[in-house]
């Protein structure tokens, strides 16, 4: 069971768990966990402002309730206020492992983004120096994404709800970033060798996709 989440795939999102997860895995009532959060809210707020979402009502029944989002420090502190039962001890260990794994993934992505920025500049410079017109920047970007992870940049932006003006690369997983950066280097090299867009597209299509990511594209009704 996933215990730790991100609001989005943005590279600097803060991992969190929820009061609902804590209640389920610690085997206590969700109502009791919410009461505990309210009781010690001042303590928790020392590690960031507590936030919440409202639960959904299924089949028109019941009442909405608050589901709190807690960062690592808040969750760790809250658990210390619970009785140290066997389910609580097991949950503590797994929660620590998942927070650590999520932070390591985020850190790897941040470091990779730092490496990738000059690579992106190299591709941009290569396109410019080869004399391609301005609209080819978009063509090469979509070619890069499509041949690297199986979807073009517009599709990734739509499915992951990335707003205009936000950098798509900030919302890619580590493996997706690695595939994009590898393809950018290859395209820059092919441009420097004097190949035109169609020739580069043909070469990349023959090579196949580097890392086929999974995106659930919205269905189109006719």
N, C-alpha and C. Protein backbone atom coordinates (compact mmCIF):
# COMPACT_ATOMS: atom_id res chain seq x y z
N UNK A 1 0.85 -1.20 0.00
CA UNK A 1 0.00 0.00 0.00
C UNK A 1 0.88 1.24 0.00
N UNK A 2 0.56 2.19 -0.88
CA UNK A 2 1.28 3.45 -0.89
C UNK A 2 0.89 4.27 0.33
N UNK A 3 1.91 4.72 1.06
CA UNK A 3 1.67 5.52 2.25
C UNK A 3 2.04 6.98 2.06
N UNK A 4 2.87 7.25 1.06
CA UNK A 4 3.41 8.59 0.84
C UNK A 4 3.07 9.05 -0.57
N UNK A 5 2.69 10.30 -0.71
CA UNK A 5 2.17 10.80 -1.99
C UNK A 5 2.78 12.16 -2.35
N UNK A 6 2.53 12.57 -3.60
CA UNK A 6 2.88 13.90 -4.07
C UNK A 6 1.63 14.53 -4.66
N UNK A 7 1.47 15.84 -4.49
CA UNK A 7 0.32 16.53 -5.09
C UNK A 7 0.41 16.47 -6.60
N UNK A 8 1.61 16.56 -7.14
CA UNK A 8 1.84 16.45 -8.58
C UNK A 8 3.23 15.89 -8.78
N UNK A 9 3.63 15.69 -10.02
CA UNK A 9 4.97 15.19 -10.30
C UNK A 9 6.01 16.30 -10.37
N UNK A 10 5.65 17.49 -9.97
CA UNK A 10 6.62 18.58 -10.00
C UNK A 10 7.84 18.21 -9.15
N UNK A 11 9.00 18.55 -9.67
CA UNK A 11 10.24 18.06 -9.10
C UNK A 11 10.48 18.53 -7.67
N UNK A 12 9.88 19.65 -7.26
CA UNK A 12 10.11 20.15 -5.90
C UNK A 12 8.89 19.98 -4.98
N UNK A 13 7.94 19.13 -5.37
CA UNK A 13 6.79 18.86 -4.50
C UNK A 13 7.26 18.21 -3.20
N UNK A 14 6.54 18.51 -2.12
CA UNK A 14 6.88 17.95 -0.81
C UNK A 14 6.05 16.68 -0.57
N UNK A 15 6.69 15.55 -0.29
CA UNK A 15 5.95 14.31 -0.03
C UNK A 15 5.07 14.45 1.22
N UNK A 16 3.94 13.76 1.21
CA UNK A 16 3.05 13.80 2.37
C UNK A 16 2.32 12.48 2.53
N UNK A 17 1.79 12.26 3.72
CA UNK A 17 0.86 11.17 3.95
C UNK A 17 -0.44 11.79 4.43
N UNK A 18 -1.45 11.00 4.70
CA UNK A 18 -2.75 11.57 5.09
C UNK A 18 -3.23 10.98 6.42
N UNK A 19 -4.13 11.69 7.03
CA UNK A 19 -4.73 11.21 8.28
C UNK A 19 -5.49 9.91 8.04
N UNK A 20 -6.03 9.76 6.84
CA UNK A 20 -6.77 8.55 6.49
C UNK A 20 -5.83 7.34 6.44
N UNK A 21 -4.65 7.52 5.85
CA UNK A 21 -3.66 6.45 5.80
C UNK A 21 -3.21 6.08 7.20
N UNK A 22 -2.94 7.10 8.03
CA UNK A 22 -2.49 6.84 9.40
C UNK A 22 -3.55 6.05 10.17
N UNK A 23 -4.80 6.45 10.03
CA UNK A 23 -5.88 5.74 10.73
C UNK A 23 -5.97 4.29 10.27
N UNK A 24 -5.88 4.09 8.97
CA UNK A 24 -6.02 2.74 8.42
C UNK A 24 -4.88 1.83 8.88
N UNK A 25 -3.64 2.31 8.75
CA UNK A 25 -2.49 1.46 9.04
C UNK A 25 -2.20 1.34 10.54
N UNK A 26 -2.57 2.35 11.32
CA UNK A 26 -2.39 2.27 12.77
C UNK A 26 -3.57 1.57 13.45
N UNK A 27 -4.60 1.30 12.64
CA UNK A 27 -5.80 0.60 13.12
C UNK A 27 -6.50 1.37 14.24
N UNK A 28 -6.71 2.66 13.94
CA UNK A 28 -7.49 3.51 14.84
C UNK A 28 -8.54 4.23 13.99
N UNK A 29 -9.57 4.76 14.63
CA UNK A 29 -10.62 5.45 13.89
C UNK A 29 -10.08 6.75 13.30
N UNK A 30 -10.52 7.05 12.08
CA UNK A 30 -10.09 8.29 11.43
C UNK A 30 -10.51 9.50 12.26
N UNK A 31 -11.67 9.40 12.86
CA UNK A 31 -12.16 10.49 13.70
C UNK A 31 -11.18 10.78 14.84
N UNK A 32 -10.62 9.71 15.42
CA UNK A 32 -9.69 9.87 16.54
C UNK A 32 -8.39 10.54 16.08
N UNK A 33 -7.94 10.19 14.85
CA UNK A 33 -6.73 10.80 14.31
C UNK A 33 -6.96 12.28 14.06
N UNK A 34 -8.12 12.63 13.51
CA UNK A 34 -8.43 14.05 13.26
C UNK A 34 -8.48 14.82 14.57
N UNK A 35 -9.06 14.21 15.60
CA UNK A 35 -9.11 14.88 16.91
C UNK A 35 -7.71 15.12 17.45
N UNK A 36 -6.84 14.15 17.25
CA UNK A 36 -5.45 14.28 17.71
C UNK A 36 -4.74 15.41 16.97
N UNK A 37 -5.00 15.52 15.68
CA UNK A 37 -4.39 16.60 14.88
C UNK A 37 -4.87 17.96 15.37
N UNK A 38 -6.15 18.08 15.64
CA UNK A 38 -6.68 19.36 16.13
C UNK A 38 -6.12 19.70 17.50
N UNK A 39 -5.97 18.66 18.32
CA UNK A 39 -5.47 18.87 19.68
C UNK A 39 -4.03 19.39 19.67
N UNK A 40 -3.22 18.84 18.78
CA UNK A 40 -1.79 19.20 18.75
C UNK A 40 -1.44 20.01 17.50
N UNK A 41 -2.42 20.74 16.98
CA UNK A 41 -2.21 21.47 15.73
C UNK A 41 -1.08 22.50 15.85
N UNK A 42 -0.97 23.15 17.00
CA UNK A 42 0.11 24.13 17.18
C UNK A 42 1.47 23.46 17.08
N UNK A 43 1.59 22.27 17.64
CA UNK A 43 2.86 21.53 17.55
C UNK A 43 3.16 21.17 16.10
N UNK A 44 2.16 20.68 15.41
CA UNK A 44 2.34 20.26 14.02
C UNK A 44 2.69 21.43 13.12
N UNK A 45 2.09 22.58 13.41
CA UNK A 45 2.33 23.76 12.58
C UNK A 45 3.75 24.31 12.70
N UNK A 46 4.49 23.85 13.69
CA UNK A 46 5.89 24.24 13.79
C UNK A 46 6.71 23.64 12.64
N UNK A 47 6.15 22.62 11.99
CA UNK A 47 6.84 21.94 10.89
C UNK A 47 6.14 22.20 9.55
N UNK A 48 5.34 23.26 9.50
CA UNK A 48 4.60 23.60 8.29
C UNK A 48 3.11 23.66 8.58
N UNK A 49 2.43 24.46 7.82
CA UNK A 49 0.98 24.63 8.01
C UNK A 49 0.25 23.36 7.62
N UNK A 50 -0.59 22.85 8.53
CA UNK A 50 -1.38 21.66 8.20
C UNK A 50 -2.44 22.02 7.16
N UNK A 51 -2.62 21.15 6.20
CA UNK A 51 -3.62 21.35 5.15
C UNK A 51 -4.55 20.15 5.12
N UNK A 52 -5.66 20.29 4.42
CA UNK A 52 -6.60 19.18 4.33
C UNK A 52 -7.40 19.26 3.04
N UNK A 53 -8.02 18.15 2.69
CA UNK A 53 -9.00 18.10 1.60
C UNK A 53 -10.28 17.52 2.19
N UNK A 54 -11.40 17.73 1.50
CA UNK A 54 -12.66 17.17 1.96
C UNK A 54 -12.90 15.84 1.26
N UNK A 55 -13.27 14.85 2.02
CA UNK A 55 -13.53 13.53 1.45
C UNK A 55 -14.74 13.59 0.52
N UNK A 56 -14.78 12.66 -0.42
CA UNK A 56 -15.90 12.60 -1.36
C UNK A 56 -17.03 11.77 -0.77
N UNK A 57 -18.24 12.15 -1.12
CA UNK A 57 -19.41 11.38 -0.68
C UNK A 57 -19.71 10.33 -1.74
N UNK A 58 -19.74 9.07 -1.34
CA UNK A 58 -20.02 8.00 -2.29
C UNK A 58 -21.51 7.69 -2.34
N UNK A 59 -22.03 7.64 -3.55
CA UNK A 59 -23.43 7.26 -3.79
C UNK A 59 -24.42 8.15 -3.04
N UNK A 60 -24.02 9.41 -2.86
CA UNK A 60 -24.95 10.37 -2.26
C UNK A 60 -25.19 10.18 -0.78
N UNK A 61 -24.36 9.37 -0.13
CA UNK A 61 -24.58 9.10 1.29
C UNK A 61 -23.47 9.69 2.14
N UNK A 62 -23.77 9.79 3.43
CA UNK A 62 -22.76 10.21 4.40
C UNK A 62 -22.47 11.69 4.36
N UNK A 63 -21.50 12.08 5.18
CA UNK A 63 -21.08 13.48 5.26
C UNK A 63 -19.61 13.59 4.87
N UNK A 64 -19.27 14.72 4.33
CA UNK A 64 -17.87 14.96 4.01
C UNK A 64 -17.07 15.14 5.30
N UNK A 65 -15.83 14.70 5.27
CA UNK A 65 -14.96 14.89 6.43
C UNK A 65 -13.59 15.36 5.96
N UNK A 66 -12.83 15.96 6.85
CA UNK A 66 -11.51 16.44 6.51
C UNK A 66 -10.51 15.29 6.46
N UNK A 67 -9.71 15.29 5.40
CA UNK A 67 -8.58 14.36 5.31
C UNK A 67 -7.33 15.23 5.34
N UNK A 68 -6.58 15.17 6.43
CA UNK A 68 -5.41 16.02 6.60
C UNK A 68 -4.22 15.49 5.80
N UNK A 69 -3.44 16.43 5.26
CA UNK A 69 -2.18 16.11 4.60
C UNK A 69 -1.05 16.48 5.55
N UNK A 70 -0.15 15.55 5.81
CA UNK A 70 0.93 15.77 6.76
C UNK A 70 2.28 15.47 6.12
N UNK A 71 3.20 16.42 6.23
CA UNK A 71 4.54 16.16 5.71
C UNK A 71 5.27 15.18 6.64
N UNK A 72 6.52 14.86 6.30
CA UNK A 72 7.23 13.83 7.05
C UNK A 72 7.37 14.18 8.52
N UNK A 73 7.78 15.40 8.81
CA UNK A 73 7.97 15.79 10.21
C UNK A 73 6.65 15.78 10.98
N UNK A 74 5.59 16.28 10.34
CA UNK A 74 4.29 16.31 11.01
C UNK A 74 3.78 14.90 11.29
N UNK A 75 3.90 14.03 10.30
CA UNK A 75 3.43 12.65 10.47
C UNK A 75 4.24 11.93 11.55
N UNK A 76 5.55 12.13 11.54
CA UNK A 76 6.41 11.48 12.54
C UNK A 76 6.03 11.93 13.94
N UNK A 77 5.80 13.23 14.10
CA UNK A 77 5.41 13.75 15.41
C UNK A 77 4.05 13.22 15.84
N UNK A 78 3.11 13.23 14.92
CA UNK A 78 1.75 12.77 15.27
C UNK A 78 1.75 11.32 15.74
N UNK A 79 2.55 10.49 15.09
CA UNK A 79 2.58 9.08 15.45
C UNK A 79 3.09 8.87 16.86
N UNK A 80 3.96 9.78 17.32
CA UNK A 80 4.47 9.64 18.69
C UNK A 80 3.35 9.84 19.72
N UNK A 81 2.26 10.48 19.31
CA UNK A 81 1.14 10.70 20.22
C UNK A 81 0.17 9.51 20.25
N UNK A 82 0.40 8.53 19.38
CA UNK A 82 -0.45 7.33 19.37
C UNK A 82 0.12 6.29 20.32
N UNK A 83 -0.74 5.40 20.80
CA UNK A 83 -0.28 4.28 21.63
C UNK A 83 0.66 3.41 20.79
N UNK A 84 1.70 2.92 21.41
CA UNK A 84 2.73 2.17 20.69
C UNK A 84 2.33 0.70 20.52
N UNK A 85 1.22 0.48 19.82
CA UNK A 85 0.74 -0.88 19.56
C UNK A 85 1.57 -1.52 18.45
N UNK A 86 1.37 -2.82 18.24
CA UNK A 86 2.10 -3.52 17.18
C UNK A 86 1.79 -2.94 15.79
N UNK A 87 0.51 -2.68 15.43
CA UNK A 87 0.24 -2.06 14.13
C UNK A 87 0.91 -0.70 13.98
N UNK A 88 0.93 0.07 15.07
CA UNK A 88 1.56 1.40 15.01
C UNK A 88 3.06 1.26 14.77
N UNK A 89 3.72 0.31 15.44
CA UNK A 89 5.16 0.13 15.26
C UNK A 89 5.49 -0.30 13.83
N UNK A 90 4.71 -1.22 13.30
CA UNK A 90 4.94 -1.68 11.93
C UNK A 90 4.71 -0.55 10.93
N UNK A 91 3.68 0.24 11.19
CA UNK A 91 3.37 1.37 10.32
C UNK A 91 4.49 2.40 10.34
N UNK A 92 5.02 2.69 11.54
CA UNK A 92 6.12 3.65 11.67
C UNK A 92 7.28 3.26 10.77
N UNK A 93 7.68 1.99 10.82
CA UNK A 93 8.82 1.52 10.05
C UNK A 93 8.58 1.67 8.55
N UNK A 94 7.39 1.27 8.10
CA UNK A 94 7.10 1.35 6.67
C UNK A 94 6.99 2.80 6.21
N UNK A 95 6.42 3.65 7.05
CA UNK A 95 6.28 5.06 6.69
C UNK A 95 7.65 5.72 6.53
N UNK A 96 8.57 5.42 7.45
CA UNK A 96 9.93 5.96 7.36
C UNK A 96 10.59 5.52 6.05
N UNK A 97 10.44 4.25 5.70
CA UNK A 97 11.03 3.72 4.47
C UNK A 97 10.48 4.42 3.23
N UNK A 98 9.16 4.63 3.22
CA UNK A 98 8.56 5.23 2.03
C UNK A 98 8.87 6.72 1.92
N UNK A 99 8.91 7.42 3.03
CA UNK A 99 9.31 8.83 2.98
C UNK A 99 10.75 8.95 2.48
N UNK A 100 11.62 8.08 2.97
CA UNK A 100 13.02 8.11 2.54
C UNK A 100 13.14 7.83 1.04
N UNK A 101 12.43 6.80 0.57
CA UNK A 101 12.48 6.46 -0.85
C UNK A 101 11.95 7.59 -1.73
N UNK A 102 10.87 8.23 -1.29
CA UNK A 102 10.29 9.32 -2.07
C UNK A 102 11.24 10.51 -2.10
N UNK A 103 11.86 10.83 -0.99
CA UNK A 103 12.80 11.95 -0.94
C UNK A 103 14.01 11.68 -1.82
N UNK A 104 14.49 10.44 -1.83
CA UNK A 104 15.62 10.09 -2.68
C UNK A 104 15.28 10.24 -4.16
N UNK A 105 14.07 9.83 -4.52
CA UNK A 105 13.62 9.99 -5.91
C UNK A 105 13.54 11.46 -6.28
N UNK A 106 12.97 12.28 -5.40
CA UNK A 106 12.87 13.71 -5.66
C UNK A 106 14.24 14.35 -5.78
N UNK A 107 15.16 13.95 -4.90
CA UNK A 107 16.51 14.50 -4.94
C UNK A 107 17.21 14.12 -6.24
N UNK A 108 17.05 12.86 -6.67
CA UNK A 108 17.66 12.41 -7.92
C UNK A 108 17.13 13.21 -9.10
N UNK A 109 15.83 13.47 -9.09
CA UNK A 109 15.22 14.24 -10.18
C UNK A 109 15.73 15.67 -10.19
N UNK A 110 15.87 16.27 -8.99
CA UNK A 110 16.37 17.65 -8.91
C UNK A 110 17.80 17.75 -9.41
N UNK A 111 18.63 16.77 -9.04
CA UNK A 111 20.02 16.77 -9.49
C UNK A 111 20.09 16.59 -11.01
N UNK A 112 19.24 15.71 -11.53
CA UNK A 112 19.22 15.46 -12.97
C UNK A 112 18.77 16.69 -13.74
N UNK A 113 17.81 17.42 -13.17
CA UNK A 113 17.36 18.66 -13.82
C UNK A 113 18.51 19.65 -13.92
N UNK A 114 19.34 19.70 -12.87
CA UNK A 114 20.49 20.61 -12.90
C UNK A 114 21.46 20.24 -13.99
N UNK A 115 21.65 18.94 -14.20
CA UNK A 115 22.54 18.48 -15.28
C UNK A 115 21.92 18.74 -16.64
N UNK A 116 20.59 18.57 -16.72
CA UNK A 116 19.92 18.65 -18.02
C UNK A 116 19.79 20.04 -18.59
N UNK A 117 19.84 21.07 -17.75
CA UNK A 117 19.66 22.43 -18.25
C UNK A 117 20.71 22.83 -19.29
N UNK A 118 21.98 22.58 -19.06
CA UNK A 118 22.95 22.91 -20.11
C UNK A 118 22.79 22.05 -21.36
N UNK A 119 22.30 20.80 -21.20
CA UNK A 119 22.06 19.95 -22.37
C UNK A 119 20.96 20.55 -23.23
N UNK A 120 19.91 21.07 -22.57
CA UNK A 120 18.81 21.70 -23.30
C UNK A 120 19.32 22.92 -24.07
N UNK A 121 20.21 23.67 -23.43
CA UNK A 121 20.79 24.83 -24.09
C UNK A 121 21.60 24.41 -25.31
N UNK A 122 22.32 23.28 -25.20
CA UNK A 122 23.10 22.79 -26.33
C UNK A 122 22.21 22.48 -27.53
N UNK A 123 21.04 21.84 -27.26
CA UNK A 123 20.13 21.53 -28.36
C UNK A 123 19.57 22.81 -28.96
N UNK A 124 19.17 23.74 -28.12
CA UNK A 124 18.64 25.01 -28.61
C UNK A 124 19.68 25.74 -29.46
N UNK A 125 20.91 25.74 -28.99
CA UNK A 125 22.00 26.38 -29.74
C UNK A 125 22.22 25.68 -31.08
N UNK A 126 22.15 24.36 -31.07
CA UNK A 126 22.37 23.60 -32.30
C UNK A 126 21.31 23.92 -33.34
N UNK A 127 20.04 24.01 -32.89
CA UNK A 127 18.94 24.34 -33.80
C UNK A 127 19.15 25.74 -34.39
N UNK A 128 19.51 26.67 -33.52
CA UNK A 128 19.71 28.06 -33.95
C UNK A 128 20.88 28.18 -34.91
N UNK A 129 22.01 27.56 -34.57
CA UNK A 129 23.21 27.68 -35.39
C UNK A 129 23.07 26.99 -36.74
N UNK A 130 22.18 25.98 -36.81
CA UNK A 130 21.97 25.28 -38.08
C UNK A 130 21.08 26.07 -39.02
N UNK A 131 20.47 27.16 -38.52
CA UNK A 131 19.65 28.02 -39.37
C UNK A 131 18.21 27.61 -39.52
N UNK A 132 17.73 26.71 -38.63
CA UNK A 132 16.32 26.32 -38.69
C UNK A 132 15.44 27.51 -38.29
N UNK A 133 14.28 27.62 -38.93
CA UNK A 133 13.36 28.69 -38.58
C UNK A 133 12.77 28.44 -37.19
N UNK A 134 12.16 29.48 -36.62
CA UNK A 134 11.74 29.45 -35.22
C UNK A 134 10.76 28.31 -34.93
N UNK A 135 9.85 27.99 -35.87
CA UNK A 135 8.83 26.98 -35.58
C UNK A 135 9.42 25.58 -35.44
N UNK A 136 10.67 25.40 -35.85
CA UNK A 136 11.29 24.09 -35.73
C UNK A 136 11.65 23.76 -34.28
N UNK A 137 11.72 24.77 -33.41
CA UNK A 137 11.99 24.48 -32.00
C UNK A 137 10.90 23.57 -31.44
N UNK A 138 9.63 23.88 -31.76
CA UNK A 138 8.52 23.05 -31.29
C UNK A 138 8.56 21.68 -31.95
N UNK A 139 8.87 21.63 -33.25
CA UNK A 139 8.93 20.35 -33.95
C UNK A 139 9.99 19.44 -33.33
N UNK A 140 11.16 19.98 -33.05
CA UNK A 140 12.23 19.18 -32.48
C UNK A 140 11.89 18.76 -31.05
N UNK A 141 11.23 19.64 -30.31
CA UNK A 141 10.85 19.29 -28.94
C UNK A 141 9.88 18.13 -28.93
N UNK A 142 8.85 18.19 -29.78
CA UNK A 142 7.88 17.09 -29.83
C UNK A 142 8.52 15.81 -30.35
N UNK A 143 9.43 15.94 -31.31
CA UNK A 143 10.14 14.77 -31.82
C UNK A 143 10.97 14.14 -30.71
N UNK A 144 11.61 14.97 -29.93
CA UNK A 144 12.43 14.49 -28.82
C UNK A 144 11.58 13.71 -27.82
N UNK A 145 10.47 14.29 -27.40
CA UNK A 145 9.60 13.63 -26.42
C UNK A 145 8.99 12.35 -26.98
N UNK A 146 8.48 12.44 -28.20
CA UNK A 146 7.81 11.29 -28.80
C UNK A 146 8.75 10.11 -28.96
N UNK A 147 9.97 10.39 -29.40
CA UNK A 147 10.92 9.30 -29.63
C UNK A 147 11.62 8.85 -28.35
N UNK A 148 11.55 9.68 -27.30
CA UNK A 148 12.20 9.32 -26.03
C UNK A 148 11.26 8.57 -25.10
N UNK A 149 10.01 9.06 -24.95
CA UNK A 149 9.11 8.44 -23.97
C UNK A 149 7.77 8.02 -24.56
N UNK A 150 7.59 8.19 -25.87
CA UNK A 150 6.38 7.69 -26.51
C UNK A 150 5.23 8.66 -26.63
N UNK A 151 5.35 9.85 -26.06
CA UNK A 151 4.31 10.87 -26.13
C UNK A 151 4.96 12.22 -26.42
N UNK A 152 4.25 13.06 -27.19
CA UNK A 152 4.85 14.37 -27.46
C UNK A 152 4.64 15.31 -26.27
N UNK A 153 5.29 16.45 -26.31
CA UNK A 153 5.27 17.37 -25.18
C UNK A 153 3.85 17.85 -24.86
N UNK A 154 3.04 18.09 -25.89
CA UNK A 154 1.67 18.57 -25.67
C UNK A 154 0.83 17.53 -24.93
N UNK A 155 1.02 16.26 -25.27
CA UNK A 155 0.27 15.20 -24.61
C UNK A 155 0.67 15.08 -23.14
N UNK A 156 1.97 15.16 -22.86
CA UNK A 156 2.44 15.10 -21.48
C UNK A 156 1.87 16.26 -20.67
N UNK A 157 1.91 17.46 -21.26
CA UNK A 157 1.40 18.65 -20.57
C UNK A 157 -0.08 18.50 -20.25
N UNK A 158 -0.86 17.94 -21.17
CA UNK A 158 -2.30 17.81 -20.98
C UNK A 158 -2.64 16.79 -19.90
N UNK A 159 -2.02 15.60 -19.98
CA UNK A 159 -2.36 14.53 -19.05
C UNK A 159 -1.91 14.85 -17.63
N UNK A 160 -0.76 15.51 -17.49
CA UNK A 160 -0.25 15.81 -16.16
C UNK A 160 -0.67 17.20 -15.68
N UNK A 161 -1.55 17.82 -16.42
CA UNK A 161 -2.13 19.11 -16.02
C UNK A 161 -1.04 20.13 -15.71
N UNK A 162 -0.11 20.27 -16.65
CA UNK A 162 0.99 21.22 -16.50
C UNK A 162 0.58 22.54 -17.15
N UNK A 163 0.48 23.58 -16.36
CA UNK A 163 -0.01 24.86 -16.85
C UNK A 163 0.97 25.49 -17.84
N UNK A 164 0.42 26.36 -18.70
CA UNK A 164 1.27 27.10 -19.64
C UNK A 164 2.28 27.93 -18.86
N UNK A 165 3.51 27.96 -19.35
CA UNK A 165 4.55 28.70 -18.67
C UNK A 165 5.36 27.85 -17.71
N UNK A 166 4.85 26.67 -17.35
CA UNK A 166 5.58 25.76 -16.48
C UNK A 166 6.44 24.83 -17.34
N UNK A 167 7.63 24.50 -16.86
CA UNK A 167 8.54 23.65 -17.60
C UNK A 167 8.15 22.18 -17.45
N UNK A 168 7.88 21.51 -18.56
CA UNK A 168 7.45 20.12 -18.52
C UNK A 168 8.48 19.24 -17.83
N UNK A 169 9.74 19.55 -18.03
CA UNK A 169 10.80 18.72 -17.45
C UNK A 169 10.73 18.65 -15.93
N UNK A 170 10.13 19.66 -15.30
CA UNK A 170 9.98 19.66 -13.85
C UNK A 170 8.95 18.64 -13.37
N UNK A 171 8.21 18.05 -14.30
CA UNK A 171 7.14 17.11 -13.94
C UNK A 171 7.42 15.70 -14.44
N UNK A 172 8.64 15.44 -14.87
CA UNK A 172 9.00 14.12 -15.37
C UNK A 172 9.67 13.30 -14.29
N UNK A 173 9.48 11.99 -14.34
CA UNK A 173 10.18 11.10 -13.42
C UNK A 173 11.66 11.05 -13.80
N UNK A 174 12.45 10.44 -12.96
CA UNK A 174 13.89 10.34 -13.21
C UNK A 174 14.15 9.60 -14.53
N UNK A 175 13.48 8.48 -14.74
CA UNK A 175 13.70 7.70 -15.97
C UNK A 175 13.25 8.47 -17.21
N UNK A 176 12.16 9.21 -17.08
CA UNK A 176 11.69 10.01 -18.21
C UNK A 176 12.69 11.12 -18.52
N UNK A 177 13.19 11.78 -17.49
CA UNK A 177 14.20 12.82 -17.71
C UNK A 177 15.44 12.26 -18.41
N UNK A 178 15.90 11.12 -17.94
CA UNK A 178 17.10 10.51 -18.51
C UNK A 178 16.90 10.22 -20.00
N UNK A 179 15.72 9.72 -20.35
CA UNK A 179 15.42 9.42 -21.75
C UNK A 179 15.39 10.70 -22.60
N UNK A 180 14.77 11.75 -22.05
CA UNK A 180 14.70 13.03 -22.77
C UNK A 180 16.10 13.60 -22.98
N UNK A 181 16.91 13.62 -21.95
CA UNK A 181 18.24 14.21 -22.07
C UNK A 181 19.12 13.43 -23.05
N UNK A 182 18.98 12.12 -23.02
CA UNK A 182 19.75 11.29 -23.97
C UNK A 182 19.35 11.61 -25.40
N UNK A 183 18.04 11.76 -25.62
CA UNK A 183 17.56 12.05 -26.97
C UNK A 183 17.96 13.46 -27.40
N UNK A 184 17.93 14.41 -26.49
CA UNK A 184 18.34 15.78 -26.83
C UNK A 184 19.79 15.80 -27.31
N UNK A 185 20.65 15.06 -26.63
CA UNK A 185 22.05 15.00 -27.05
C UNK A 185 22.18 14.40 -28.44
N UNK A 186 21.41 13.35 -28.70
CA UNK A 186 21.46 12.68 -30.00
C UNK A 186 20.99 13.62 -31.11
N UNK A 187 19.89 14.34 -30.85
CA UNK A 187 19.36 15.27 -31.86
C UNK A 187 20.36 16.39 -32.13
N UNK A 188 20.95 16.93 -31.06
CA UNK A 188 21.94 17.99 -31.24
C UNK A 188 23.11 17.50 -32.10
N UNK A 189 23.55 16.28 -31.87
CA UNK A 189 24.66 15.71 -32.65
C UNK A 189 24.28 15.55 -34.11
N UNK A 190 23.06 15.05 -34.36
CA UNK A 190 22.60 14.85 -35.74
C UNK A 190 22.46 16.18 -36.47
N UNK A 191 22.01 17.21 -35.75
CA UNK A 191 21.91 18.55 -36.35
C UNK A 191 23.30 19.04 -36.73
N UNK A 192 24.26 18.85 -35.82
CA UNK A 192 25.62 19.31 -36.09
C UNK A 192 26.26 18.56 -37.26
N UNK A 193 25.77 17.34 -37.52
CA UNK A 193 26.27 16.56 -38.65
C UNK A 193 25.65 16.99 -39.97
N UNK A 194 24.68 17.93 -39.89
CA UNK A 194 24.11 18.49 -41.11
C UNK A 194 22.82 17.85 -41.58
N UNK A 195 22.21 16.98 -40.79
CA UNK A 195 20.96 16.35 -41.19
C UNK A 195 19.80 17.32 -41.03
N UNK A 196 18.81 17.22 -41.92
CA UNK A 196 17.63 18.07 -41.78
C UNK A 196 16.61 17.38 -40.88
N UNK A 197 15.48 18.06 -40.64
CA UNK A 197 14.49 17.55 -39.69
C UNK A 197 13.97 16.17 -40.09
N UNK A 198 13.58 15.99 -41.36
CA UNK A 198 13.02 14.70 -41.80
C UNK A 198 14.05 13.58 -41.69
N UNK A 199 15.28 13.87 -41.99
CA UNK A 199 16.33 12.85 -41.87
C UNK A 199 16.52 12.45 -40.40
N UNK A 200 16.52 13.44 -39.52
CA UNK A 200 16.67 13.15 -38.09
C UNK A 200 15.48 12.34 -37.58
N UNK A 201 14.29 12.72 -38.00
CA UNK A 201 13.08 11.99 -37.61
C UNK A 201 13.16 10.54 -38.05
N UNK A 202 13.64 10.30 -39.25
CA UNK A 202 13.77 8.94 -39.78
C UNK A 202 14.78 8.13 -38.97
N UNK A 203 15.90 8.75 -38.63
CA UNK A 203 16.92 8.06 -37.84
C UNK A 203 16.37 7.66 -36.47
N UNK A 204 15.67 8.58 -35.83
CA UNK A 204 15.15 8.31 -34.50
C UNK A 204 14.04 7.27 -34.52
N UNK A 205 13.19 7.32 -35.54
CA UNK A 205 12.12 6.34 -35.66
C UNK A 205 12.67 4.93 -35.83
N UNK A 206 13.78 4.83 -36.55
CA UNK A 206 14.41 3.52 -36.75
C UNK A 206 15.00 2.98 -35.45
N UNK A 207 15.38 3.90 -34.55
CA UNK A 207 16.00 3.48 -33.30
C UNK A 207 15.02 3.07 -32.22
N UNK A 208 13.75 3.41 -32.38
CA UNK A 208 12.75 3.06 -31.38
C UNK A 208 12.74 4.01 -30.19
N UNK A 209 11.77 3.81 -29.30
CA UNK A 209 11.60 4.66 -28.12
C UNK A 209 12.58 4.24 -27.03
N UNK A 210 13.18 5.20 -26.36
CA UNK A 210 14.17 4.90 -25.32
C UNK A 210 13.49 4.32 -24.07
N UNK A 211 12.47 5.02 -23.58
CA UNK A 211 11.78 4.58 -22.37
C UNK A 211 10.29 4.86 -22.55
N UNK A 212 9.51 3.81 -22.75
CA UNK A 212 8.07 3.99 -22.99
C UNK A 212 7.36 4.26 -21.67
N UNK A 213 6.99 5.51 -21.46
CA UNK A 213 6.27 5.85 -20.25
C UNK A 213 4.80 5.49 -20.41
N UNK A 214 4.07 5.56 -19.32
CA UNK A 214 2.65 5.22 -19.34
C UNK A 214 1.84 6.46 -18.98
N UNK A 215 0.99 6.88 -19.91
CA UNK A 215 0.09 8.00 -19.66
C UNK A 215 -1.31 7.56 -20.04
N UNK A 216 -2.28 7.90 -19.21
CA UNK A 216 -3.67 7.57 -19.52
C UNK A 216 -4.28 8.73 -20.28
N UNK A 217 -4.29 8.60 -21.60
CA UNK A 217 -4.83 9.66 -22.43
C UNK A 217 -6.36 9.70 -22.33
N UNK A 218 -6.96 10.90 -22.29
CA UNK A 218 -8.42 11.00 -22.21
C UNK A 218 -9.08 10.46 -23.47
N UNK A 219 -10.21 9.78 -23.27
CA UNK A 219 -10.95 9.24 -24.39
C UNK A 219 -11.72 10.35 -25.12
N UNK A 220 -11.75 10.28 -26.43
CA UNK A 220 -12.46 11.27 -27.23
C UNK A 220 -13.79 10.68 -27.68
N UNK A 221 -14.88 11.39 -27.39
CA UNK A 221 -16.20 10.92 -27.77
C UNK A 221 -16.59 11.53 -29.12
N UNK A 222 -17.21 10.74 -29.93
CA UNK A 222 -17.67 11.22 -31.24
C UNK A 222 -19.19 11.18 -31.31
